Amino acid sequence: MLRDIDHFIAGEAYQSSGRTGDVFDPNRGEVQAKVKLGTAADLQKAVDAAKAAQPGWAATNPQRRARIMFRFRELVEAHMDELAELLSSEHGKVIADSRGDVMRGLEVIEYACGIPQALKGEYTVGAGPGIDVYSMRQPLGIGAGITPFNFPAMIPMWMFGPAIACGNAFIVKPSERDPSVPVRLAELMKEAGLPDGLLSVVHGDSRRSRRATIRACSPHQVSRNLAVGSCPRARATLAAVRPSRVRIVSSAPRRRSRVARARSPRAAAR
């Protein structure tokens, strides 16, 4: 009997009525699960949940947000064996490498535990005649990230850990080939005390869902879109958005990192 892998939206499993995809066990060469592939409506449900939850979370003081990150860190450590085995069963890494994948992500969560210090602003007296200058660090709103197959634990935690600690909501679109670990991490965040709607996981395949993902995450709804992949993947991400709607898109290609700030895909390609 194959298990079903559902989306995680608004703090609970969410069954889409759309298509499904096969999730293989590379260690055996067999299909082990069916992952629900989301629609634009599914993604919009996640965006709406994030919109409802994020203002209250942004108003929560950083110390309380940090306590949830500390608790999440403890839960990930307590479930390390479970996460490593789950990751290995879908990706094919040996257990030792799978544990390393989780640990690299956990290092960023440990940094996020110190977010009260990192969020402090600056104040300069006498920057000019009669001029004092100060800075404030404030949440952006909602972030969305497309994460790759090769690091299904590390890269999602790299993205959602700091974003949530800073007072934002976040939506993860993991690889449809190994989607279970991001869902389990979202469940652990809920167990740690994160309010519903602040972290959602919406599945989709690269063939159909990337364009719908980016368009649903347009700047009037989502403040920052992140994607990890090659330079062609980054260009495809930019091209999927209408030119007037690109605000900030961050891309981390395999051999170099760059931040593309463009008004149009043509400008980004230069």
C-alpha atoms as a PDB file:
ATOM      1  CA  MET A   1       0.000   0.000   0.000  1.00  0.00           C
ATOM      2  CA  LEU A   2       1.575   3.277  -1.121  1.00  0.00           C
ATOM      3  CA  ARG A   3       1.468   6.170   1.323  1.00  0.00           C
ATOM      4  CA  ASP A   4       0.244   9.608   0.313  1.00  0.00           C
ATOM      5  CA  ILE A   5       2.328  12.751   0.845  1.00  0.00           C
ATOM      6  CA  ASP A   6       0.030  15.730   1.296  1.00  0.00           C
ATOM      7  CA  HIS A   7       0.687  19.455   1.345  1.00  0.00           C
ATOM      8  CA  PHE A   8       1.134  21.141   4.720  1.00  0.00           C
ATOM      9  CA  ILE A   9      -0.967  24.310   4.750  1.00  0.00           C
ATOM     10  CA  ALA A  10      -2.265  26.403   7.653  1.00  0.00           C
ATOM     11  CA  GLY A  11      -0.815  24.030  10.219  1.00  0.00           C
ATOM     12  CA  GLU A  12      -2.261  20.773   8.929  1.00  0.00           C
ATOM     13  CA  ALA A  13      -2.087  18.213   6.148  1.00  0.00           C
ATOM     14  CA  TYR A  14      -4.039  19.351   3.098  1.00  0.00           C
ATOM     15  CA  GLN A  15      -5.163  16.971   0.374  1.00  0.00           C
ATOM     16  CA  SER A  16      -5.230  18.480  -3.084  1.00  0.00           C
ATOM     17  CA  SER A  17      -7.639  17.201  -5.695  1.00  0.00           C
ATOM     18  CA  GLY A  18      -5.036  17.618  -8.420  1.00  0.00           C
ATOM     19  CA  ARG A  19      -2.473  15.294  -9.958  1.00  0.00           C
ATOM     20  CA  THR A  20      -0.048  13.030  -8.103  1.00  0.00           C
ATOM     21  CA  GLY A  21       3.572  12.089  -8.721  1.00  0.00           C
ATOM     22  CA  ASP A  22       5.633   8.998  -7.939  1.00  0.00           C
ATOM     23  CA  VAL A  23       8.186   9.145  -5.132  1.00  0.00           C
ATOM     24  CA  PHE A  24      10.830   6.450  -5.561  1.00  0.00           C
ATOM     25  CA  ASP A  25      12.981   4.654  -3.041  1.00  0.00           C
ATOM     26  CA  PRO A  26      16.388   4.786  -4.807  1.00  0.00           C
ATOM     27  CA  ASN A  27      17.730   2.131  -2.463  1.00  0.00           C
ATOM     28  CA  ARG A  28      15.256  -0.415  -3.860  1.00  0.00           C
ATOM     29  CA  GLY A  29      14.272   1.111  -7.188  1.00  0.00           C
ATOM     30  CA  GLU A  30      10.599   1.018  -6.274  1.00  0.00           C
ATOM     31  CA  VAL A  31       7.789   3.547  -6.009  1.00  0.00           C
ATOM     32  CA  GLN A  32       7.122   4.027  -2.308  1.00  0.00           C
ATOM     33  CA  ALA A  33       4.655   6.938  -2.186  1.00  0.00           C
ATOM     34  CA  LYS A  34       2.429   9.289  -4.144  1.00  0.00           C
ATOM     35  CA  VAL A  35       2.918  13.028  -3.672  1.00  0.00           C
ATOM     36  CA  LYS A  36       0.025  15.403  -4.261  1.00  0.00           C
ATOM     37  CA  LEU A  37       0.955  17.995  -6.913  1.00  0.00           C
ATOM     38  CA  GLY A  38      -0.587  21.315  -6.098  1.00  0.00           C
ATOM     39  CA  THR A  39      -2.621  23.737  -8.156  1.00  0.00           C
ATOM     40  CA  ALA A  40      -2.643  27.517  -8.179  1.00  0.00           C
ATOM     41  CA  ALA A  41      -5.628  27.341  -5.813  1.00  0.00           C
ATOM     42  CA  ASP A  42      -3.635  25.225  -3.352  1.00  0.00           C
ATOM     43  CA  LEU A  43      -0.813  27.736  -3.404  1.00  0.00           C
ATOM     44  CA  GLN A  44      -3.243  30.611  -2.963  1.00  0.00           C
ATOM     45  CA  LYS A  45      -4.623  28.870   0.117  1.00  0.00           C
ATOM     46  CA  ALA A  46      -1.101  28.856   1.573  1.00  0.00           C
ATOM     47  CA  VAL A  47      -0.618  32.537   0.692  1.00  0.00           C
ATOM     48  CA  ASP A  48      -3.941  33.452   2.317  1.00  0.00           C
ATOM     49  CA  ALA A  49      -3.000  31.553   5.486  1.00  0.00           C
ATOM     50  CA  ALA A  50       0.346  33.356   5.581  1.00  0.00           C
ATOM     51  CA  LYS A  51      -1.340  36.742   5.097  1.00  0.00           C
ATOM     52  CA  ALA A  52      -3.619  36.082   8.045  1.00  0.00           C
ATOM     53  CA  ALA A  53      -0.877  34.880  10.397  1.00  0.00           C
ATOM     54  CA  GLN A  54       2.113  37.086   9.537  1.00  0.00           C
ATOM     55  CA  PRO A  55       1.043  40.472  11.020  1.00  0.00           C
ATOM     56  CA  GLY A  56       0.559  38.958  14.477  1.00  0.00           C
ATOM     57  CA  TRP A  57       3.856  37.113  14.206  1.00  0.00           C
ATOM     58  CA  ALA A  58       5.688  40.280  13.176  1.00  0.00           C
ATOM     59  CA  ALA A  59       4.259  41.989  16.262  1.00  0.00           C
ATOM     60  CA  THR A  60       5.597  39.193  18.499  1.00  0.00           C
ATOM     61  CA  ASN A  61       8.815  40.282  20.168  1.00  0.00           C
ATOM     62  CA  PRO A  62      12.030  38.632  18.892  1.00  0.00           C
ATOM     63  CA  GLN A  63      12.727  36.912  22.214  1.00  0.00           C
ATOM     64  CA  ARG A  64       9.501  34.920  21.976  1.00  0.00           C
ATOM     65  CA  ARG A  65      10.170  34.076  18.340  1.00  0.00           C
ATOM     66  CA  ALA A  66      13.645  32.879  19.344  1.00  0.00           C
ATOM     67  CA  ARG A  67      12.190  30.551  21.986  1.00  0.00           C
ATOM     68  CA  ILE A  68      10.269  28.729  19.264  1.00  0.00           C
ATOM     69  CA  MET A  69      13.472  28.394  17.217  1.00  0.00           C
ATOM     70  CA  PHE A  70      15.245  26.936  20.279  1.00  0.00           C
ATOM     71  CA  ARG A  71      12.424  24.429  20.737  1.00  0.00           C
ATOM     72  CA  PHE A  72      12.489  23.525  17.028  1.00  0.00           C
ATOM     73  CA  ARG A  73      16.238  22.904  17.270  1.00  0.00           C
ATOM     74  CA  GLU A  74      15.650  20.526  20.182  1.00  0.00           C
ATOM     75  CA  LEU A  75      12.937  18.656  18.265  1.00  0.00           C
ATOM     76  CA  VAL A  76      15.099  18.254  15.156  1.00  0.00           C
ATOM     77  CA  GLU A  77      17.903  16.829  17.282  1.00  0.00           C
ATOM     78  CA  ALA A  78      15.471  14.473  19.014  1.00  0.00           C
ATOM     79  CA  HIS A  79      14.139  13.247  15.640  1.00  0.00           C
ATOM     80  CA  MET A  80      17.506  13.152  13.887  1.00  0.00           C
ATOM     81  CA  ASP A  81      17.422   9.413  13.183  1.00  0.00           C
ATOM     82  CA  GLU A  82      13.868   9.600  11.832  1.00  0.00           C
ATOM     83  CA  LEU A  83      14.708  12.542   9.558  1.00  0.00           C
ATOM     84  CA  ALA A  84      17.915  10.905   8.290  1.00  0.00           C
ATOM     85  CA  GLU A  85      16.161   7.647   7.462  1.00  0.00           C
ATOM     86  CA  LEU A  86      13.294   9.467   5.749  1.00  0.00           C
ATOM     87  CA  LEU A  87      15.725  11.553   3.702  1.00  0.00           C
ATOM     88  CA  SER A  88      17.770   8.506   2.720  1.00  0.00           C
ATOM     89  CA  SER A  89      14.677   6.573   1.665  1.00  0.00           C
ATOM     90  CA  GLU A  90      13.721   9.238  -0.890  1.00  0.00           C
ATOM     91  CA  HIS A  91      17.031  10.789  -1.932  1.00  0.00           C
ATOM     92  CA  GLY A  92      19.332   7.768  -1.753  1.00  0.00           C
ATOM     93  CA  LYS A  93      22.058   9.281   0.427  1.00  0.00           C
ATOM     94  CA  VAL A  94      23.574   6.977   3.006  1.00  0.00           C
ATOM     95  CA  ILE A  95      22.401   7.621   6.565  1.00  0.00           C
ATOM     96  CA  ALA A  96      25.614   9.422   7.554  1.00  0.00           C
ATOM     97  CA  ASP A  97      25.271  11.882   4.665  1.00  0.00           C
ATOM     98  CA  SER A  98      21.579  12.313   5.423  1.00  0.00           C
ATOM     99  CA  ARG A  99      22.404  13.257   9.012  1.00  0.00           C
ATOM    100  CA  GLY A 100      24.941  15.736   7.674  1.00  0.00           C
ATOM    101  CA  ASP A 101      22.261  17.269   5.437  1.00  0.00           C
ATOM    102  CA  VAL A 102      20.043  17.846   8.480  1.00  0.00           C
ATOM    103  CA  MET A 103      22.943  19.141  10.594  1.00  0.00           C
ATOM    104  CA  ARG A 104      23.961  21.752   8.006  1.00  0.00           C
ATOM    105  CA  GLY A 105      20.431  23.121   8.093  1.00  0.00           C
ATOM    106  CA  LEU A 106      20.372  22.977  11.864  1.00  0.00           C
ATOM    107  CA  GLU A 107      23.427  25.235  11.990  1.00  0.00           C
ATOM    108  CA  VAL A 108      21.359  28.015  10.406  1.00  0.00           C
ATOM    109  CA  ILE A 109      18.542  27.366  12.889  1.00  0.00           C
ATOM    110  CA  GLU A 110      21.096  27.811  15.678  1.00  0.00           C
ATOM    111  CA  TYR A 111      21.999  31.188  14.195  1.00  0.00           C
ATOM    112  CA  ALA A 112      18.298  32.068  14.049  1.00  0.00           C
ATOM    113  CA  CYS A 113      18.046  31.340  17.770  1.00  0.00           C
ATOM    114  CA  GLY A 114      20.155  34.465  18.294  1.00  0.00           C
ATOM    115  CA  ILE A 115      17.909  36.657  16.184  1.00  0.00           C
ATOM    116  CA  PRO A 116      17.156  39.207  18.951  1.00  0.00           C
ATOM    117  CA  GLN A 117      20.779  40.349  18.768  1.00  0.00           C
ATOM    118  CA  ALA A 118      20.925  40.251  14.968  1.00  0.00           C
ATOM    119  CA  LEU A 119      17.793  42.390  14.620  1.00  0.00           C
ATOM    120  CA  LYS A 120      19.163  45.323  16.589  1.00  0.00           C
ATOM    121  CA  GLY A 121      19.289  48.529  14.580  1.00  0.00           C
ATOM    122  CA  GLU A 122      21.907  51.283  14.614  1.00  0.00           C
ATOM    123  CA  TYR A 123      21.923  54.923  15.689  1.00  0.00           C
ATOM    124  CA  THR A 124      24.457  57.544  14.668  1.00  0.00           C
ATOM    125  CA  VAL A 125      24.529  60.899  16.443  1.00  0.00           C
ATOM    126  CA  GLY A 126      25.782  63.876  14.452  1.00  0.00           C
ATOM    127  CA  ALA A 127      25.942  62.255  11.032  1.00  0.00           C
ATOM    128  CA  GLY A 128      25.668  65.806   9.686  1.00  0.00           C
ATOM    129  CA  PRO A 129      24.856  69.280  10.982  1.00  0.00           C
ATOM    130  CA  GLY A 130      21.766  68.701  13.117  1.00  0.00           C
ATOM    131  CA  ILE A 131      21.309  65.226  11.630  1.00  0.00           C
ATOM    132  CA  ASP A 132      21.058  61.945  13.519  1.00  0.00           C
ATOM    133  CA  VAL A 133      20.701  58.685  11.569  1.00  0.00           C
ATOM    134  CA  TYR A 134      19.046  55.492  12.736  1.00  0.00           C
ATOM    135  CA  SER A 135      18.183  52.165  11.123  1.00  0.00           C
ATOM    136  CA  MET A 136      15.448  49.643  11.863  1.00  0.00           C
ATOM    137  CA  ARG A 137      15.189  46.022  10.763  1.00  0.00           C
ATOM    138  CA  GLN A 138      11.611  45.047  10.026  1.00  0.00           C
ATOM    139  CA  PRO A 139       9.922  41.948   8.536  1.00  0.00           C
ATOM    140  CA  LEU A 140       9.292  41.905   4.784  1.00  0.00           C
ATOM    141  CA  GLY A 141       6.023  39.956   5.005  1.00  0.00           C
ATOM    142  CA  ILE A 142       5.800  36.619   3.167  1.00  0.00           C
ATOM    143  CA  GLY A 143       8.643  34.700   1.542  1.00  0.00           C
ATOM    144  CA  ALA A 144       8.509  31.746  -0.839  1.00  0.00           C
ATOM    145  CA  GLY A 145      11.264  29.315  -1.778  1.00  0.00           C
ATOM    146  CA  ILE A 146      11.755  26.656  -4.462  1.00  0.00           C
ATOM    147  CA  THR A 147      14.225  24.119  -3.081  1.00  0.00           C
ATOM    148  CA  PRO A 148      16.203  21.453  -4.984  1.00  0.00           C
ATOM    149  CA  PHE A 149      16.457  17.688  -4.860  1.00  0.00           C
ATOM    150  CA  ASN A 150      20.016  17.423  -3.588  1.00  0.00           C
ATOM    151  CA  PHE A 151      19.599  18.892  -0.069  1.00  0.00           C
ATOM    152  CA  PRO A 152      15.974  18.378   1.027  1.00  0.00           C
ATOM    153  CA  ALA A 153      16.624  19.284   4.682  1.00  0.00           C
ATOM    154  CA  MET A 154      19.469  21.797   4.595  1.00  0.00           C
ATOM    155  CA  ILE A 155      18.205  24.289   2.011  1.00  0.00           C
ATOM    156  CA  PRO A 156      14.608  24.549   3.294  1.00  0.00           C
ATOM    157  CA  MET A 157      15.974  25.278   6.783  1.00  0.00           C
ATOM    158  CA  TRP A 158      18.409  27.808   5.286  1.00  0.00           C
ATOM    159  CA  MET A 159      15.416  29.612   3.822  1.00  0.00           C
ATOM    160  CA  PHE A 160      12.590  29.395   6.346  1.00  0.00           C
ATOM    161  CA  GLY A 161      14.670  29.502   9.546  1.00  0.00           C
ATOM    162  CA  PRO A 162      15.966  33.106   9.356  1.00  0.00           C
ATOM    163  CA  ALA A 163      12.818  34.302   7.542  1.00  0.00           C
ATOM    164  CA  ILE A 164      10.477  33.103  10.277  1.00  0.00           C
ATOM    165  CA  ALA A 165      12.783  34.199  13.097  1.00  0.00           C
ATOM    166  CA  CYS A 166      12.745  37.717  11.614  1.00  0.00           C
ATOM    167  CA  GLY A 167       8.948  37.867  11.760  1.00  0.00           C
ATOM    168  CA  ASN A 168       8.016  36.683   8.268  1.00  0.00           C
ATOM    169  CA  ALA A 169       5.843  33.840   6.996  1.00  0.00           C
ATOM    170  CA  PHE A 170       7.283  31.356   4.508  1.00  0.00           C
ATOM    171  CA  ILE A 171       6.054  28.923   1.832  1.00  0.00           C
ATOM    172  CA  VAL A 172       8.311  26.083   0.645  1.00  0.00           C
ATOM    173  CA  LYS A 173       7.950  24.335  -2.717  1.00  0.00           C
ATOM    174  CA  PRO A 174      10.302  21.336  -2.326  1.00  0.00           C
ATOM    175  CA  SER A 175      11.435  18.923  -4.993  1.00  0.00           C
ATOM    176  CA  GLU A 176       8.682  16.473  -5.819  1.00  0.00           C
ATOM    177  CA  ARG A 177      11.295  13.699  -5.789  1.00  0.00           C
ATOM    178  CA  ASP A 178      12.016  13.879  -2.053  1.00  0.00           C
ATOM    179  CA  PRO A 179       9.224  15.928  -0.464  1.00  0.00           C
ATOM    180  CA  SER A 180       8.706  14.204   2.893  1.00  0.00           C
ATOM    181  CA  VAL A 181      11.478  15.819   4.938  1.00  0.00           C
ATOM    182  CA  PRO A 182      10.300  19.437   4.360  1.00  0.00           C
ATOM    183  CA  VAL A 183       6.795  18.379   5.421  1.00  0.00           C
ATOM    184  CA  ARG A 184       8.169  16.726   8.560  1.00  0.00           C
ATOM    185  CA  LEU A 185      10.187  19.841   9.373  1.00  0.00           C
ATOM    186  CA  ALA A 186       7.027  21.948   9.067  1.00  0.00           C
ATOM    187  CA  GLU A 187       5.253  19.560  11.434  1.00  0.00           C
ATOM    188  CA  LEU A 188       8.088  19.943  13.950  1.00  0.00           C
ATOM    189  CA  MET A 189       7.884  23.733  13.663  1.00  0.00           C
ATOM    190  CA  LYS A 190       4.198  23.508  14.563  1.00  0.00           C
ATOM    191  CA  GLU A 191       5.057  21.222  17.489  1.00  0.00           C
ATOM    192  CA  ALA A 192       7.618  23.785  18.611  1.00  0.00           C
ATOM    193  CA  GLY A 193       4.831  26.343  18.926  1.00  0.00           C
ATOM    194  CA  LEU A 194       4.838  28.156  15.572  1.00  0.00           C
ATOM    195  CA  PRO A 195       1.375  29.596  14.847  1.00  0.00           C
ATOM    196  CA  ASP A 196      -0.545  28.019  11.984  1.00  0.00           C
ATOM    197  CA  GLY A 197      -0.082  29.576   8.552  1.00  0.00           C
ATOM    198  CA  LEU A 198       3.460  30.852   9.075  1.00  0.00           C
ATOM    199  CA  LEU A 199       5.130  27.851   7.413  1.00  0.00           C
ATOM    200  CA  SER A 200       3.462  25.942   4.588  1.00  0.00           C
ATOM    201  CA  VAL A 201       4.764  23.284   2.199  1.00  0.00           C
ATOM    202  CA  VAL A 202       3.133  23.074  -1.228  1.00  0.00           C
ATOM    203  CA  HIS A 203       4.255  20.351  -3.637  1.00  0.00           C
ATOM    204  CA  GLY A 204       4.501  20.553  -7.398  1.00  0.00           C
ATOM    205  CA  ASP A 205       6.515  19.213 -10.301  1.00  0.00           C
ATOM    206  CA  SER A 206       9.013  21.329 -12.182  1.00  0.00           C
ATOM    207  CA  ARG A 207       7.262  20.786 -15.506  1.00  0.00           C
ATOM    208  CA  ARG A 208       4.012  22.535 -14.608  1.00  0.00           C
ATOM    209  CA  SER A 209       4.220  24.110 -11.169  1.00  0.00           C
ATOM    210  CA  ARG A 210       7.180  26.499 -11.276  1.00  0.00           C
ATOM    211  CA  ARG A 211       5.376  29.074 -13.409  1.00  0.00           C
ATOM    212  CA  ALA A 212       2.209  28.846 -11.286  1.00  0.00           C
ATOM    213  CA  THR A 213       4.284  29.071  -8.110  1.00  0.00           C
ATOM    214  CA  ILE A 214       6.081  32.242  -9.111  1.00  0.00           C
ATOM    215  CA  ARG A 215       2.988  33.922 -10.532  1.00  0.00           C
ATOM    216  CA  ALA A 216       0.939  33.186  -7.418  1.00  0.00           C
ATOM    217  CA  CYS A 217       3.818  34.588  -5.379  1.00  0.00           C
ATOM    218  CA  SER A 218       3.681  37.964  -7.119  1.00  0.00           C
ATOM    219  CA  PRO A 219       5.024  40.982  -5.203  1.00  0.00           C
ATOM    220  CA  HIS A 220       1.615  42.279  -4.125  1.00  0.00           C
ATOM    221  CA  GLN A 221       1.294  39.043  -2.104  1.00  0.00           C
ATOM    222  CA  VAL A 222       4.835  37.772  -1.506  1.00  0.00           C
ATOM    223  CA  SER A 223       7.747  40.063  -0.679  1.00  0.00           C
ATOM    224  CA  ARG A 224      10.622  37.772  -1.631  1.00  0.00           C
ATOM    225  CA  ASN A 225      10.974  34.744  -3.910  1.00  0.00           C
ATOM    226  CA  LEU A 226      13.953  32.410  -3.527  1.00  0.00           C
ATOM    227  CA  ALA A 227      15.121  29.633  -5.828  1.00  0.00           C
ATOM    228  CA  VAL A 228      18.162  27.376  -5.645  1.00  0.00           C
ATOM    229  CA  GLY A 229      19.354  25.872  -8.910  1.00  0.00           C
ATOM    230  CA  SER A 230      21.279  26.575 -12.071  1.00  0.00           C
ATOM    231  CA  CYS A 231      21.499  29.867 -13.976  1.00  0.00           C
ATOM    232  CA  PRO A 232      18.949  28.599 -16.554  1.00  0.00           C
ATOM    233  CA  ARG A 233      16.597  27.793 -13.665  1.00  0.00           C
ATOM    234  CA  ALA A 234      17.037  31.337 -12.338  1.00  0.00           C
ATOM    235  CA  ARG A 235      16.257  32.828 -15.758  1.00  0.00           C
ATOM    236  CA  ALA A 236      13.179  30.610 -16.057  1.00  0.00           C
ATOM    237  CA  THR A 237      12.035  31.814 -12.639  1.00  0.00           C
ATOM    238  CA  LEU A 238      12.374  35.431 -13.722  1.00  0.00           C
ATOM    239  CA  ALA A 239      10.655  34.774 -17.044  1.00  0.00           C
ATOM    240  CA  ALA A 240       7.694  33.186 -15.257  1.00  0.00           C
ATOM    241  CA  VAL A 241       6.779  36.521 -13.683  1.00  0.00           C
ATOM    242  CA  ARG A 242       5.212  39.340 -15.637  1.00  0.00           C
ATOM    243  CA  PRO A 243       7.919  41.978 -16.177  1.00  0.00           C
ATOM    244  CA  SER A 244       6.215  44.678 -14.131  1.00  0.00           C
ATOM    245  CA  ARG A 245       5.854  42.410 -11.131  1.00  0.00           C
ATOM    246  CA  VAL A 246       9.461  41.416 -10.425  1.00  0.00           C
ATOM    247  CA  ARG A 247      10.640  42.956  -7.183  1.00  0.00           C
ATOM    248  CA  ILE A 248      13.378  40.819  -5.646  1.00  0.00           C
ATOM    249  CA  VAL A 249      14.372  37.355  -6.801  1.00  0.00           C
ATOM    250  CA  SER A 250      17.357  35.627  -5.229  1.00  0.00           C
ATOM    251  CA  SER A 251      19.098  32.822  -7.057  1.00  0.00           C
ATOM    252  CA  ALA A 252      21.872  30.549  -5.861  1.00  0.00           C
ATOM    253  CA  PRO A 253      23.256  28.710  -8.908  1.00  0.00           C
ATOM    254  CA  ARG A 254      25.485  25.694  -8.457  1.00  0.00           C
ATOM    255  CA  ARG A 255      28.879  27.367  -8.818  1.00  0.00           C
ATOM    256  CA  ARG A 256      28.202  30.946  -7.866  1.00  0.00           C
ATOM    257  CA  SER A 257      25.608  32.982  -6.053  1.00  0.00           C
ATOM    258  CA  ARG A 258      23.976  36.119  -7.327  1.00  0.00           C
ATOM    259  CA  VAL A 259      21.054  38.320  -6.445  1.00  0.00           C
ATOM    260  CA  ALA A 260      19.029  39.473  -9.432  1.00  0.00           C
ATOM    261  CA  ARG A 261      17.198  42.756  -8.994  1.00  0.00           C
ATOM    262  CA  ALA A 262      15.385  43.460 -12.216  1.00  0.00           C
ATOM    263  CA  ARG A 263      12.321  45.121 -13.678  1.00  0.00           C
ATOM    264  CA  SER A 264      12.139  42.627 -16.510  1.00  0.00           C
ATOM    265  CA  PRO A 265      13.560  39.211 -17.478  1.00  0.00           C
ATOM    266  CA  ARG A 266      15.404  40.932 -20.350  1.00  0.00           C
ATOM    267  CA  ALA A 267      17.222  43.227 -17.934  1.00  0.00           C
ATOM    268  CA  ALA A 268      18.109  40.278 -15.705  1.00  0.00           C
ATOM    269  CA  ALA A 269      19.604  38.347 -18.607  1.00  0.00           C
ATOM    270  CA  ARG A 270      22.114  41.071 -19.413  1.00  0.00           C
END
